[in-house]
């Protein structure tokens, strides 16, 4: 996407029998190709502000689209433990979406009542702080579609290498597309 700002100035002479028109054009460009939404807004924000309005100045903004890129979709095959008596479901998440947030927004029951907080060893939800492990999921297929674990998450889940904290997992890492199999509440599968 290229955003161009064009300023056109029209001046009329004072003599009613003749008029003079002058036009000047300035172009400013912001390259937004393949940027995220926020980065696109930031790039457009670098354009100069509008000129002060007057009766004989008109300002036009023209946005020229070169290419639109479809955001990759991750198909998540979600499995519940048999004890929950919930049918398996399939979700579609967009690359760059947080796994926990994406599941909660789509109505997935996520918090594991058997989980103990990593910091206090008691129960309770930390609200996506990466401390309670109530949002832990087991990745059966598609682990390469997630962002790498940070050190704290690795330490918390070192005994369970296929597990991820959904609150710290971003799907479609590197703008990849594909399928994943995710088991919710993995402690209830054992």
N, C-alpha and C. Protein backbone atom coordinates (compact mmCIF):
# COMPACT_ATOMS: atom_id res chain seq x y z
N UNK A 1 0.86 -1.17 0.00
CA UNK A 1 0.00 0.00 0.00
C UNK A 1 0.89 1.22 0.00
N UNK A 2 0.57 2.15 -0.85
CA UNK A 2 1.28 3.42 -0.86
C UNK A 2 0.25 4.50 -0.60
N UNK A 3 0.50 5.35 0.35
CA UNK A 3 -0.41 6.45 0.66
C UNK A 3 0.23 7.72 0.13
N UNK A 4 -0.51 8.45 -0.68
CA UNK A 4 -0.01 9.68 -1.28
C UNK A 4 -0.88 10.82 -0.85
N UNK A 5 -0.28 11.91 -0.41
CA UNK A 5 -1.00 13.13 -0.08
C UNK A 5 -0.79 14.10 -1.22
N UNK A 6 -1.87 14.59 -1.81
CA UNK A 6 -1.78 15.53 -2.91
C UNK A 6 -2.47 16.82 -2.50
N UNK A 7 -1.80 17.94 -2.65
CA UNK A 7 -2.38 19.24 -2.34
C UNK A 7 -2.58 19.98 -3.64
N UNK A 8 -3.81 20.44 -3.88
CA UNK A 8 -4.12 21.21 -5.08
C UNK A 8 -4.56 22.59 -4.65
N UNK A 9 -3.91 23.61 -5.21
CA UNK A 9 -4.24 24.99 -4.87
C UNK A 9 -4.82 25.65 -6.11
N UNK A 10 -5.95 26.31 -5.94
CA UNK A 10 -6.59 27.02 -7.04
C UNK A 10 -6.72 28.49 -6.64
N UNK A 11 -6.23 29.37 -7.51
CA UNK A 11 -6.33 30.80 -7.23
C UNK A 11 -7.12 31.46 -8.35
N UNK A 12 -8.05 32.28 -8.01
CA UNK A 12 -8.82 33.04 -9.00
C UNK A 12 -8.35 34.50 -8.97
N UNK A 13 -8.18 35.09 -10.14
CA UNK A 13 -7.78 36.50 -10.22
C UNK A 13 -8.92 37.41 -9.80
N UNK A 14 -8.62 38.65 -9.51
CA UNK A 14 -9.65 39.59 -9.07
C UNK A 14 -10.48 40.11 -10.23
N UNK A 15 -9.98 40.05 -11.44
CA UNK A 15 -10.71 40.53 -12.61
C UNK A 15 -11.74 39.47 -13.01
N UNK A 16 -13.01 39.81 -13.07
CA UNK A 16 -14.06 38.85 -13.35
C UNK A 16 -14.02 38.36 -14.79
N UNK A 17 -13.44 39.13 -15.73
CA UNK A 17 -13.42 38.71 -17.12
C UNK A 17 -12.34 37.67 -17.38
N UNK A 18 -11.33 37.57 -16.52
CA UNK A 18 -10.29 36.55 -16.72
C UNK A 18 -9.98 35.92 -15.37
N UNK A 19 -9.68 34.66 -15.40
CA UNK A 19 -9.31 33.98 -14.16
C UNK A 19 -8.04 33.19 -14.40
N UNK A 20 -7.29 33.10 -13.38
CA UNK A 20 -6.03 32.38 -13.46
C UNK A 20 -6.09 31.21 -12.49
N UNK A 21 -5.72 30.05 -12.95
CA UNK A 21 -5.73 28.87 -12.11
C UNK A 21 -4.30 28.34 -12.03
N UNK A 22 -3.83 28.21 -10.82
CA UNK A 22 -2.53 27.59 -10.64
C UNK A 22 -2.73 26.35 -9.78
N UNK A 23 -1.98 25.36 -10.09
CA UNK A 23 -2.11 24.11 -9.36
C UNK A 23 -0.72 23.61 -8.99
N UNK A 24 -0.57 23.26 -7.73
CA UNK A 24 0.69 22.67 -7.31
C UNK A 24 0.39 21.35 -6.61
N UNK A 25 1.26 20.42 -6.79
CA UNK A 25 1.05 19.10 -6.22
C UNK A 25 2.29 18.68 -5.45
N UNK A 26 2.07 18.18 -4.25
CA UNK A 26 3.13 17.59 -3.45
C UNK A 26 2.72 16.16 -3.15
N UNK A 27 3.65 15.25 -3.28
CA UNK A 27 3.35 13.87 -2.97
C UNK A 27 4.24 13.40 -1.83
N UNK A 28 3.62 12.74 -0.89
CA UNK A 28 4.32 12.12 0.22
C UNK A 28 3.91 10.65 0.22
N UNK A 29 4.84 9.77 0.42
CA UNK A 29 4.57 8.34 0.34
C UNK A 29 4.93 7.65 1.64
N UNK A 30 4.08 6.72 2.03
CA UNK A 30 4.36 5.86 3.19
C UNK A 30 4.25 4.42 2.70
N UNK A 31 5.33 3.68 2.78
CA UNK A 31 5.32 2.28 2.34
C UNK A 31 4.72 1.41 3.45
N UNK A 32 3.62 0.75 3.14
CA UNK A 32 2.94 -0.08 4.14
C UNK A 32 2.78 -1.52 3.68
N UNK A 33 3.52 -1.90 2.68
CA UNK A 33 3.35 -3.23 2.10
C UNK A 33 3.74 -4.32 3.11
N UNK A 34 2.83 -5.27 3.31
CA UNK A 34 3.01 -6.44 4.18
C UNK A 34 3.25 -6.09 5.64
N UNK A 35 2.79 -4.95 6.08
CA UNK A 35 2.92 -4.60 7.49
C UNK A 35 1.67 -5.04 8.24
N UNK A 36 1.79 -5.17 9.54
CA UNK A 36 0.62 -5.47 10.37
C UNK A 36 -0.27 -4.23 10.42
N UNK A 37 -1.44 -4.38 10.99
CA UNK A 37 -2.37 -3.26 11.09
C UNK A 37 -1.73 -2.09 11.85
N UNK A 38 -1.17 -2.39 13.03
CA UNK A 38 -0.58 -1.32 13.84
C UNK A 38 0.59 -0.65 13.13
N UNK A 39 1.42 -1.44 12.48
CA UNK A 39 2.56 -0.87 11.76
C UNK A 39 2.08 -0.03 10.57
N UNK A 40 0.97 -0.44 9.94
CA UNK A 40 0.41 0.33 8.83
C UNK A 40 -0.08 1.69 9.33
N UNK A 41 -0.80 1.69 10.44
CA UNK A 41 -1.29 2.94 11.02
C UNK A 41 -0.11 3.84 11.39
N UNK A 42 0.93 3.27 11.98
CA UNK A 42 2.12 4.05 12.34
C UNK A 42 2.78 4.66 11.10
N UNK A 43 2.87 3.87 10.02
CA UNK A 43 3.49 4.37 8.79
C UNK A 43 2.68 5.52 8.19
N UNK A 44 1.37 5.39 8.18
CA UNK A 44 0.52 6.47 7.66
C UNK A 44 0.64 7.70 8.56
N UNK A 45 0.83 7.48 9.85
CA UNK A 45 0.99 8.58 10.79
C UNK A 45 2.26 9.40 10.59
N UNK A 46 3.20 8.88 9.80
CA UNK A 46 4.43 9.63 9.53
C UNK A 46 4.24 10.67 8.43
N UNK A 47 3.09 10.64 7.75
CA UNK A 47 2.82 11.64 6.71
C UNK A 47 2.64 13.00 7.36
N UNK A 48 2.98 14.08 6.65
CA UNK A 48 2.83 15.41 7.24
C UNK A 48 1.37 15.73 7.55
N UNK A 49 1.12 16.57 8.54
CA UNK A 49 -0.26 16.92 8.89
C UNK A 49 -0.90 17.75 7.76
N UNK A 50 -2.23 17.81 7.75
CA UNK A 50 -2.92 18.60 6.72
C UNK A 50 -2.54 20.08 6.82
N UNK A 51 -2.64 20.74 5.68
CA UNK A 51 -2.40 22.18 5.65
C UNK A 51 -3.57 22.91 6.31
N UNK A 52 -3.32 24.10 6.84
CA UNK A 52 -4.45 24.87 7.38
C UNK A 52 -5.47 25.13 6.27
N UNK A 53 -6.73 24.99 6.59
CA UNK A 53 -7.76 25.15 5.55
C UNK A 53 -7.96 26.63 5.22
N UNK A 54 -8.20 26.87 3.94
CA UNK A 54 -8.56 28.21 3.48
C UNK A 54 -9.56 28.03 2.34
N UNK A 55 -10.15 29.11 1.92
CA UNK A 55 -11.20 29.02 0.91
C UNK A 55 -10.71 28.51 -0.43
N UNK A 56 -9.46 28.76 -0.77
CA UNK A 56 -9.00 28.37 -2.09
C UNK A 56 -7.97 27.24 -2.08
N UNK A 57 -7.94 26.46 -1.02
CA UNK A 57 -7.02 25.31 -0.98
C UNK A 57 -7.84 24.06 -0.69
N UNK A 58 -7.68 23.09 -1.55
CA UNK A 58 -8.33 21.80 -1.33
C UNK A 58 -7.23 20.75 -1.17
N UNK A 59 -7.39 19.89 -0.18
CA UNK A 59 -6.38 18.85 0.05
C UNK A 59 -7.03 17.50 -0.19
N UNK A 60 -6.35 16.66 -0.94
CA UNK A 60 -6.85 15.33 -1.27
C UNK A 60 -5.88 14.28 -0.74
N UNK A 61 -6.42 13.21 -0.23
CA UNK A 61 -5.62 12.06 0.16
C UNK A 61 -6.01 10.91 -0.75
N UNK A 62 -5.02 10.33 -1.33
CA UNK A 62 -5.26 9.20 -2.22
C UNK A 62 -4.49 8.00 -1.68
N UNK A 63 -5.18 6.89 -1.49
CA UNK A 63 -4.52 5.66 -1.05
C UNK A 63 -4.50 4.71 -2.24
N UNK A 64 -3.32 4.28 -2.58
CA UNK A 64 -3.14 3.38 -3.71
C UNK A 64 -2.74 2.02 -3.16
N UNK A 65 -3.55 1.01 -3.44
CA UNK A 65 -3.25 -0.34 -2.99
C UNK A 65 -2.54 -1.10 -4.09
N UNK A 66 -1.38 -1.61 -3.77
CA UNK A 66 -0.64 -2.42 -4.73
C UNK A 66 -1.01 -3.89 -4.59
N UNK A 67 -1.08 -4.32 -3.32
CA UNK A 67 -1.31 -5.73 -3.08
C UNK A 67 -1.91 -5.90 -1.69
N UNK A 68 -2.88 -6.76 -1.60
CA UNK A 68 -3.43 -7.13 -0.30
C UNK A 68 -2.95 -8.54 0.01
N UNK A 69 -2.54 -8.75 1.23
CA UNK A 69 -2.06 -10.07 1.62
C UNK A 69 -3.04 -10.70 2.58
N UNK A 70 -3.46 -11.89 2.27
CA UNK A 70 -4.37 -12.61 3.13
C UNK A 70 -3.60 -13.05 4.38
N UNK A 71 -4.22 -12.86 5.52
CA UNK A 71 -3.58 -13.25 6.77
C UNK A 71 -3.69 -14.77 6.89
N UNK A 72 -2.58 -15.45 7.16
CA UNK A 72 -2.61 -16.92 7.28
C UNK A 72 -3.57 -17.38 8.38
N UNK A 73 -4.21 -18.51 8.12
CA UNK A 73 -5.18 -19.08 9.05
C UNK A 73 -4.62 -20.38 9.62
N UNK A 74 -4.78 -20.54 10.91
CA UNK A 74 -4.37 -21.76 11.59
C UNK A 74 -5.64 -22.50 11.99
N UNK A 75 -5.79 -23.74 11.54
CA UNK A 75 -6.93 -24.56 11.93
C UNK A 75 -6.52 -25.34 13.17
N UNK A 76 -7.25 -25.13 14.26
CA UNK A 76 -6.95 -25.78 15.54
C UNK A 76 -8.02 -26.83 15.79
N UNK A 77 -7.59 -28.09 15.83
CA UNK A 77 -8.47 -29.19 16.19
C UNK A 77 -8.38 -29.34 17.70
N UNK A 78 -9.44 -28.95 18.37
CA UNK A 78 -9.44 -28.86 19.83
C UNK A 78 -10.10 -30.08 20.43
N UNK A 79 -9.40 -30.73 21.34
CA UNK A 79 -9.92 -31.94 21.98
C UNK A 79 -10.07 -31.70 23.48
N UNK A 80 -11.24 -32.08 24.01
CA UNK A 80 -11.51 -32.00 25.44
C UNK A 80 -11.26 -33.36 26.07
N UNK A 81 -10.90 -33.41 27.36
CA UNK A 81 -10.75 -34.70 28.03
C UNK A 81 -12.09 -35.43 28.08
N UNK A 82 -12.07 -36.76 28.02
CA UNK A 82 -13.33 -37.51 28.05
C UNK A 82 -14.20 -37.19 29.26
N UNK A 83 -13.58 -36.87 30.38
CA UNK A 83 -14.35 -36.58 31.60
C UNK A 83 -15.21 -35.33 31.47
N UNK A 84 -14.87 -34.44 30.55
CA UNK A 84 -15.67 -33.21 30.37
C UNK A 84 -16.89 -33.43 29.49
N UNK A 85 -16.92 -34.54 28.78
CA UNK A 85 -18.06 -34.89 27.91
C UNK A 85 -18.41 -33.75 26.95
N UNK A 86 -17.38 -33.14 26.40
CA UNK A 86 -17.54 -32.07 25.40
C UNK A 86 -17.10 -32.62 24.05
N UNK A 87 -17.81 -32.31 22.98
CA UNK A 87 -17.36 -32.78 21.66
C UNK A 87 -16.10 -32.01 21.22
N UNK A 88 -15.25 -32.69 20.45
CA UNK A 88 -14.10 -32.03 19.87
C UNK A 88 -14.60 -30.98 18.89
N UNK A 89 -13.88 -29.87 18.79
CA UNK A 89 -14.29 -28.80 17.88
C UNK A 89 -13.11 -28.34 17.06
N UNK A 90 -13.41 -27.60 16.03
CA UNK A 90 -12.38 -27.05 15.16
C UNK A 90 -12.52 -25.52 15.15
N UNK A 91 -11.41 -24.85 15.39
CA UNK A 91 -11.38 -23.39 15.41
C UNK A 91 -10.46 -22.89 14.31
N UNK A 92 -10.72 -21.70 13.83
CA UNK A 92 -9.80 -21.03 12.92
C UNK A 92 -9.28 -19.78 13.61
N UNK A 93 -7.96 -19.72 13.76
CA UNK A 93 -7.30 -18.57 14.35
C UNK A 93 -6.41 -17.93 13.29
N UNK A 94 -6.18 -16.64 13.43
CA UNK A 94 -5.31 -15.95 12.49
C UNK A 94 -3.89 -15.94 13.01
N UNK A 95 -2.94 -15.98 12.09
CA UNK A 95 -1.53 -15.90 12.47
C UNK A 95 -1.31 -14.64 13.29
N UNK A 96 -0.57 -14.79 14.39
CA UNK A 96 -0.30 -13.67 15.27
C UNK A 96 -1.27 -13.57 16.44
N UNK A 97 -2.27 -14.43 16.47
CA UNK A 97 -3.28 -14.39 17.53
C UNK A 97 -2.80 -15.19 18.75
N UNK A 98 -3.07 -14.68 19.94
CA UNK A 98 -2.74 -15.38 21.17
C UNK A 98 -3.67 -16.58 21.31
N UNK A 99 -3.10 -17.76 21.60
CA UNK A 99 -3.90 -18.99 21.66
C UNK A 99 -4.97 -18.92 22.74
N UNK A 100 -4.62 -18.46 23.93
CA UNK A 100 -5.59 -18.38 25.03
C UNK A 100 -6.72 -17.43 24.69
N UNK A 101 -6.37 -16.24 24.26
CA UNK A 101 -7.38 -15.23 23.93
C UNK A 101 -8.28 -15.70 22.79
N UNK A 102 -7.67 -16.31 21.78
CA UNK A 102 -8.44 -16.81 20.65
C UNK A 102 -9.45 -17.88 21.06
N UNK A 103 -9.03 -18.76 21.97
CA UNK A 103 -9.94 -19.81 22.42
C UNK A 103 -11.05 -19.24 23.31
N UNK A 104 -10.69 -18.33 24.22
CA UNK A 104 -11.71 -17.75 25.12
C UNK A 104 -12.75 -16.96 24.34
N UNK A 105 -12.31 -16.19 23.37
CA UNK A 105 -13.23 -15.38 22.56
C UNK A 105 -14.22 -16.28 21.81
N UNK A 106 -13.78 -17.48 21.45
CA UNK A 106 -14.63 -18.41 20.71
C UNK A 106 -15.39 -19.37 21.62
N UNK A 107 -15.40 -19.09 22.94
CA UNK A 107 -16.22 -19.85 23.88
C UNK A 107 -15.62 -21.14 24.40
N UNK A 108 -14.33 -21.34 24.27
CA UNK A 108 -13.70 -22.58 24.74
C UNK A 108 -13.54 -22.52 26.26
N UNK A 109 -13.95 -23.59 26.93
CA UNK A 109 -13.77 -23.71 28.38
C UNK A 109 -12.33 -24.15 28.61
N UNK A 110 -11.54 -23.29 29.24
CA UNK A 110 -10.11 -23.51 29.25
C UNK A 110 -9.50 -23.81 30.60
N UNK A 111 -9.89 -23.16 31.66
CA UNK A 111 -9.17 -23.24 32.93
C UNK A 111 -9.29 -24.62 33.57
N UNK A 112 -8.14 -25.22 33.84
CA UNK A 112 -8.05 -26.56 34.42
C UNK A 112 -8.17 -26.48 35.94
N UNK A 113 -9.19 -27.07 36.53
CA UNK A 113 -9.33 -27.01 37.99
C UNK A 113 -8.24 -27.80 38.73
N UNK A 114 -7.53 -28.69 38.06
CA UNK A 114 -6.47 -29.47 38.70
C UNK A 114 -5.13 -28.74 38.70
N UNK A 115 -5.05 -27.61 38.03
CA UNK A 115 -3.78 -26.88 37.92
C UNK A 115 -3.41 -26.21 39.23
N UNK A 116 -2.12 -26.17 39.51
CA UNK A 116 -1.61 -25.42 40.64
C UNK A 116 -0.71 -24.32 40.12
N UNK A 117 -0.79 -23.19 40.73
CA UNK A 117 0.04 -22.06 40.32
C UNK A 117 1.51 -22.42 40.49
N UNK A 118 2.32 -21.96 39.58
CA UNK A 118 3.75 -22.21 39.63
C UNK A 118 4.40 -21.43 40.75
N UNK A 119 3.89 -20.24 41.04
CA UNK A 119 4.52 -19.38 42.04
C UNK A 119 4.13 -19.71 43.48
N UNK A 120 2.87 -20.14 43.71
CA UNK A 120 2.42 -20.38 45.08
C UNK A 120 2.02 -21.82 45.35
N UNK A 121 1.95 -22.62 44.31
CA UNK A 121 1.51 -24.03 44.40
C UNK A 121 0.07 -24.17 44.86
N UNK A 122 -0.69 -23.09 44.87
CA UNK A 122 -2.12 -23.11 45.18
C UNK A 122 -2.89 -23.02 43.88
N UNK A 123 -4.20 -23.13 43.95
CA UNK A 123 -5.04 -22.96 42.78
C UNK A 123 -5.23 -21.48 42.48
N UNK A 124 -5.93 -21.18 41.41
CA UNK A 124 -6.25 -19.79 41.08
C UNK A 124 -5.69 -19.37 39.74
N UNK A 125 -6.44 -18.55 39.07
CA UNK A 125 -6.08 -18.07 37.74
C UNK A 125 -5.26 -16.79 37.85
N UNK A 126 -4.17 -16.69 37.12
CA UNK A 126 -3.31 -15.51 37.19
C UNK A 126 -3.71 -14.44 36.17
N UNK A 127 -4.72 -14.71 35.32
CA UNK A 127 -5.16 -13.71 34.35
C UNK A 127 -4.18 -13.50 33.22
N UNK A 128 -3.61 -14.56 32.67
CA UNK A 128 -2.68 -14.54 31.53
C UNK A 128 -1.30 -14.03 31.90
N UNK A 129 -0.94 -14.13 33.17
CA UNK A 129 0.39 -13.71 33.59
C UNK A 129 1.45 -14.77 33.42
N UNK A 130 1.07 -15.98 33.03
CA UNK A 130 2.02 -17.05 32.82
C UNK A 130 2.51 -17.68 34.11
N UNK A 131 1.71 -17.63 35.18
CA UNK A 131 2.13 -18.16 36.48
C UNK A 131 1.31 -19.34 36.98
N UNK A 132 0.07 -19.47 36.51
CA UNK A 132 -0.82 -20.42 37.18
C UNK A 132 -0.92 -21.77 36.48
N UNK A 133 -0.61 -21.86 35.25
CA UNK A 133 -0.69 -23.08 34.45
C UNK A 133 -2.12 -23.59 34.24
N UNK A 134 -3.13 -22.80 34.57
CA UNK A 134 -4.52 -23.25 34.33
C UNK A 134 -4.86 -23.27 32.85
N UNK A 135 -4.10 -22.55 32.05
CA UNK A 135 -4.37 -22.52 30.61
C UNK A 135 -3.43 -23.44 29.83
N UNK A 136 -2.71 -24.32 30.54
CA UNK A 136 -1.79 -25.24 29.86
C UNK A 136 -2.58 -26.13 28.91
N UNK A 137 -2.01 -26.34 27.73
CA UNK A 137 -2.60 -27.22 26.72
C UNK A 137 -1.50 -28.15 26.23
N UNK A 138 -1.91 -29.28 25.71
CA UNK A 138 -0.97 -30.23 25.14
C UNK A 138 -1.06 -30.12 23.62
N UNK A 139 0.08 -29.94 22.97
CA UNK A 139 0.12 -29.79 21.51
C UNK A 139 0.44 -31.15 20.89
N UNK A 140 -0.53 -31.74 20.23
CA UNK A 140 -0.33 -33.04 19.60
C UNK A 140 0.32 -32.92 18.24
N UNK A 141 -0.05 -31.89 17.51
CA UNK A 141 0.49 -31.67 16.16
C UNK A 141 0.53 -30.17 15.92
N UNK A 142 1.56 -29.71 15.25
CA UNK A 142 1.64 -28.31 14.88
C UNK A 142 2.40 -27.43 15.85
N UNK A 143 3.25 -28.01 16.68
CA UNK A 143 4.02 -27.22 17.63
C UNK A 143 4.91 -26.20 16.92
N UNK A 144 5.31 -26.51 15.70
CA UNK A 144 6.15 -25.58 14.93
C UNK A 144 5.38 -24.34 14.48
N UNK A 145 4.06 -24.35 14.64
CA UNK A 145 3.24 -23.19 14.28
C UNK A 145 3.15 -22.17 15.43
N UNK A 146 3.79 -22.48 16.56
CA UNK A 146 3.76 -21.60 17.72
C UNK A 146 5.10 -20.90 17.90
N UNK A 147 5.06 -19.74 18.53
CA UNK A 147 6.29 -19.02 18.86
C UNK A 147 7.14 -19.85 19.81
N UNK A 148 8.45 -19.66 19.83
CA UNK A 148 9.29 -20.41 20.76
C UNK A 148 8.96 -20.04 22.21
N UNK A 149 9.14 -21.02 23.10
CA UNK A 149 8.89 -20.77 24.53
C UNK A 149 9.98 -19.86 25.08
N UNK A 150 9.59 -18.99 25.98
CA UNK A 150 10.56 -18.19 26.73
C UNK A 150 11.04 -19.02 27.91
N UNK A 151 12.09 -18.55 28.55
CA UNK A 151 12.74 -19.29 29.61
C UNK A 151 11.79 -19.66 30.75
N UNK A 152 10.98 -18.71 31.22
CA UNK A 152 10.07 -18.98 32.34
C UNK A 152 9.09 -20.10 31.99
N UNK A 153 8.55 -20.08 30.79
CA UNK A 153 7.61 -21.12 30.37
C UNK A 153 8.33 -22.47 30.26
N UNK A 154 9.54 -22.47 29.73
CA UNK A 154 10.31 -23.72 29.65
C UNK A 154 10.54 -24.32 31.03
N UNK A 155 10.88 -23.47 32.00
CA UNK A 155 11.13 -23.96 33.35
C UNK A 155 9.86 -24.52 33.98
N UNK A 156 8.73 -23.86 33.78
CA UNK A 156 7.47 -24.32 34.36
C UNK A 156 7.02 -25.65 33.79
N UNK A 157 7.30 -25.86 32.52
CA UNK A 157 6.78 -27.04 31.82
C UNK A 157 7.88 -28.03 31.42
N UNK A 158 9.02 -28.00 32.09
CA UNK A 158 10.15 -28.83 31.68
C UNK A 158 9.85 -30.32 31.75
N UNK A 159 8.93 -30.75 32.61
CA UNK A 159 8.58 -32.18 32.72
C UNK A 159 7.55 -32.61 31.67
N UNK A 160 7.00 -31.65 30.97
CA UNK A 160 5.94 -31.94 29.98
C UNK A 160 6.27 -31.20 28.68
N UNK A 161 7.16 -31.74 27.85
CA UNK A 161 7.66 -31.02 26.67
C UNK A 161 6.60 -30.70 25.61
N UNK A 162 5.50 -31.41 25.58
CA UNK A 162 4.47 -31.14 24.57
C UNK A 162 3.47 -30.09 25.04
N UNK A 163 3.60 -29.63 26.27
CA UNK A 163 2.67 -28.65 26.82
C UNK A 163 3.14 -27.24 26.50
N UNK A 164 2.14 -26.35 26.40
CA UNK A 164 2.39 -24.92 26.27
C UNK A 164 1.40 -24.18 27.15
N UNK A 165 1.80 -23.02 27.62
CA UNK A 165 0.86 -22.12 28.28
C UNK A 165 0.14 -21.37 27.17
N UNK A 166 -1.16 -21.55 27.09
CA UNK A 166 -1.92 -20.91 26.00
C UNK A 166 -1.80 -19.39 26.07
N UNK A 167 -1.62 -18.84 27.27
CA UNK A 167 -1.52 -17.38 27.42
C UNK A 167 -0.21 -16.84 26.85
N UNK A 168 0.78 -17.69 26.63
CA UNK A 168 2.08 -17.26 26.11
C UNK A 168 2.34 -17.77 24.70
N UNK A 169 1.39 -18.51 24.14
CA UNK A 169 1.56 -19.10 22.81
C UNK A 169 0.89 -18.23 21.74
N UNK A 170 1.65 -17.91 20.71
CA UNK A 170 1.14 -17.15 19.56
C UNK A 170 1.10 -18.10 18.37
N UNK A 171 -0.08 -18.23 17.74
CA UNK A 171 -0.22 -19.15 16.61
C UNK A 171 0.27 -18.50 15.33
N UNK A 172 0.67 -19.34 14.37
CA UNK A 172 1.10 -18.85 13.07
C UNK A 172 2.43 -18.14 13.12
N UNK A 173 3.32 -18.57 14.01
CA UNK A 173 4.63 -17.93 14.16
C UNK A 173 5.32 -17.83 12.80
N UNK A 174 5.84 -16.66 12.49
CA UNK A 174 6.51 -16.44 11.20
C UNK A 174 5.54 -16.37 10.04
N UNK A 175 4.27 -16.04 10.33
CA UNK A 175 3.21 -15.94 9.31
C UNK A 175 2.99 -17.28 8.59
N UNK A 176 3.10 -18.37 9.37
CA UNK A 176 2.85 -19.70 8.82
C UNK A 176 1.37 -20.02 8.85
N UNK A 177 0.99 -20.97 8.03
CA UNK A 177 -0.38 -21.45 7.98
C UNK A 177 -0.34 -22.96 8.16
N UNK A 178 -1.35 -23.54 8.79
CA UNK A 178 -1.36 -24.98 8.95
C UNK A 178 -2.41 -25.45 9.93
N UNK A 179 -2.28 -26.73 10.32
CA UNK A 179 -3.22 -27.37 11.24
C UNK A 179 -2.51 -27.73 12.53
N UNK A 180 -3.26 -27.63 13.63
CA UNK A 180 -2.75 -27.99 14.95
C UNK A 180 -3.77 -28.89 15.63
N UNK A 181 -3.27 -29.76 16.50
CA UNK A 181 -4.13 -30.52 17.39
C UNK A 181 -3.77 -30.11 18.81
N UNK A 182 -4.78 -29.63 19.54
CA UNK A 182 -4.57 -29.11 20.89
C UNK A 182 -5.52 -29.83 21.84
N UNK A 183 -4.95 -30.34 22.94
CA UNK A 183 -5.75 -30.95 24.00
C UNK A 183 -5.87 -29.97 25.15
N UNK A 184 -7.10 -29.66 25.51
CA UNK A 184 -7.38 -28.74 26.61
C UNK A 184 -7.31 -29.52 27.92
N UNK A 185 -6.89 -28.86 29.00
CA UNK A 185 -6.81 -29.45 30.34
C UNK A 185 -6.05 -30.78 30.33
N UNK A 186 -4.78 -30.75 29.96
CA UNK A 186 -4.03 -31.99 29.78
C UNK A 186 -3.88 -32.83 31.05
N UNK A 187 -3.99 -32.25 32.23
CA UNK A 187 -3.88 -33.04 33.46
C UNK A 187 -5.04 -34.03 33.58
N UNK A 188 -6.15 -33.71 32.94
CA UNK A 188 -7.33 -34.58 33.00
C UNK A 188 -7.26 -35.73 32.00
N UNK A 189 -6.25 -35.75 31.15
CA UNK A 189 -6.07 -36.84 30.18
C UNK A 189 -5.25 -37.97 30.78
N UNK A 190 -4.53 -37.70 31.86
CA UNK A 190 -3.60 -38.69 32.41
C UNK A 190 -4.33 -39.78 33.16
